[in-house]
Protein backbone atom coordinates (compact mmCIF):
# COMPACT_ATOMS: atom_id res chain seq x y z
CA MET A 1 40.29 -39.03 75.60
CA THR A 2 39.17 -42.45 74.45
CA LYS A 3 35.50 -42.98 73.63
CA VAL A 4 33.70 -46.30 74.10
CA VAL A 5 30.40 -46.85 72.26
CA TYR A 6 27.87 -49.51 73.25
CA GLU A 7 25.39 -50.23 70.45
CA ILE A 8 22.03 -51.96 71.05
CA VAL A 9 21.49 -54.72 68.46
CA GLU A 10 19.32 -57.76 67.78
CA HIS A 11 21.40 -60.84 68.58
CA ASP A 12 20.89 -64.59 68.91
CA GLY A 13 17.09 -64.46 69.11
CA GLY A 14 17.00 -61.51 71.51
CA TRP A 15 18.84 -58.27 72.17
CA ALA A 16 22.41 -57.42 73.19
CA TYR A 17 24.81 -54.55 73.32
CA ARG A 18 27.94 -54.60 71.18
CA MET A 19 31.21 -52.81 71.76
CA ASP A 20 34.11 -53.05 69.34
CA GLY A 21 32.63 -56.18 67.74
CA ALA A 22 32.14 -58.02 71.05
CA TYR A 23 28.60 -58.89 72.13
CA SER A 24 27.16 -58.95 75.61
CA GLU A 25 25.00 -61.83 76.75
CA THR A 26 21.62 -62.00 75.03
CA PHE A 27 18.68 -60.32 76.76
CA PRO A 28 15.04 -61.24 76.11
CA THR A 29 13.92 -57.66 75.44
CA HIS A 30 15.25 -54.51 73.86
CA SER A 31 14.60 -52.67 77.13
CA ASP A 32 16.69 -55.15 79.14
CA ALA A 33 19.63 -54.80 76.75
CA LEU A 34 19.38 -51.01 76.81
CA GLN A 35 19.35 -50.94 80.60
CA ALA A 36 22.35 -53.29 80.78
CA ALA A 37 24.28 -51.16 78.26
CA ARG A 38 23.58 -48.01 80.28
CA ILE A 39 24.86 -49.73 83.43
CA ALA A 40 28.00 -50.95 81.60
CA ALA A 41 28.64 -47.46 80.20
CA ALA A 42 28.29 -45.87 83.63
CA GLU A 43 30.63 -48.42 85.21
CA GLN A 44 33.18 -47.88 82.42
CA GLN A 45 33.57 -44.28 83.57
CA VAL A 46 34.24 -45.03 87.25
CA GLY A 47 37.88 -44.49 88.20
CA ASP A 48 39.90 -46.95 90.25
CA GLU A 49 43.39 -47.21 91.68
CA ASP A 50 46.50 -47.02 89.52
CA THR A 51 47.76 -50.49 88.60
CA GLU A 52 50.08 -52.53 86.41
CA ILE A 53 48.27 -54.52 83.73
CA ASN A 54 49.46 -57.49 81.69
CA TYR A 55 47.87 -58.61 78.44
CA GLN A 56 48.59 -60.83 75.47
CA ASP A 57 48.31 -59.40 71.94
CA GLU A 58 47.03 -61.16 68.79
CA ALA A 59 50.53 -62.46 68.02
CA GLY A 60 50.84 -64.11 71.45
CA ARG A 61 53.31 -61.55 72.88
CA TRP A 62 52.84 -60.41 76.46
CA HIS A 63 52.89 -56.73 77.40
CA GLU A 64 53.02 -54.93 80.73
CA GLU A 65 51.70 -51.38 81.11
CA TYR A 66 51.02 -48.91 83.88
CA SER A 67 47.39 -47.81 83.98
CA GLN A 68 46.24 -44.69 85.79
CA GLY A 69 42.99 -45.53 87.55
CA GLY A 70 41.50 -42.10 86.97
CA ASP A 71 42.14 -42.21 83.20
CA ARG A 72 38.71 -43.43 82.11
CA PRO A 73 37.13 -43.31 78.65
CA GLU A 74 33.99 -41.42 77.72
CA ALA A 75 31.16 -43.94 77.24
CA GLU A 76 28.04 -43.63 75.10
CA VAL A 77 25.04 -45.88 74.37
CA VAL A 78 23.72 -45.79 70.79
CA ASP A 79 20.26 -47.19 70.19
CA SER A 80 19.53 -47.10 66.45
CA TYR A 81 16.44 -49.29 66.91
CA GLU A 82 14.73 -46.76 69.19
CA GLU A 83 15.53 -43.95 66.77
CA GLN A 84 13.77 -45.84 63.95
CA GLN A 85 10.50 -46.35 65.84
CA PRO A 86 7.60 -43.97 65.13
CA ASN A 87 6.71 -41.55 67.89
CA ARG A 88 3.99 -43.46 69.74
CA ASN A 89 2.85 -40.30 71.52
CA ALA A 90 2.17 -38.40 68.30
CA VAL A 91 -1.42 -37.42 67.66
């Protein structure tokens, strides 16, 4: 099974999520970006109908493939920033 990882990162004066080197839009807060990444990850795992897909590769060649709608990747959100913050509830 394929795994998709969304990483929360500082980006363009705000926060974004990044997947495979591609950034989302910029969000004003870390919390907004985290929420958006969680929504994207959840939607990534929703199956759909089987379909034919066409795409162009880096060399400009076109490809056609059959995609099974139920064949969805596992999705995860990684938030390194949150892991680095001290526990604010610690006494």
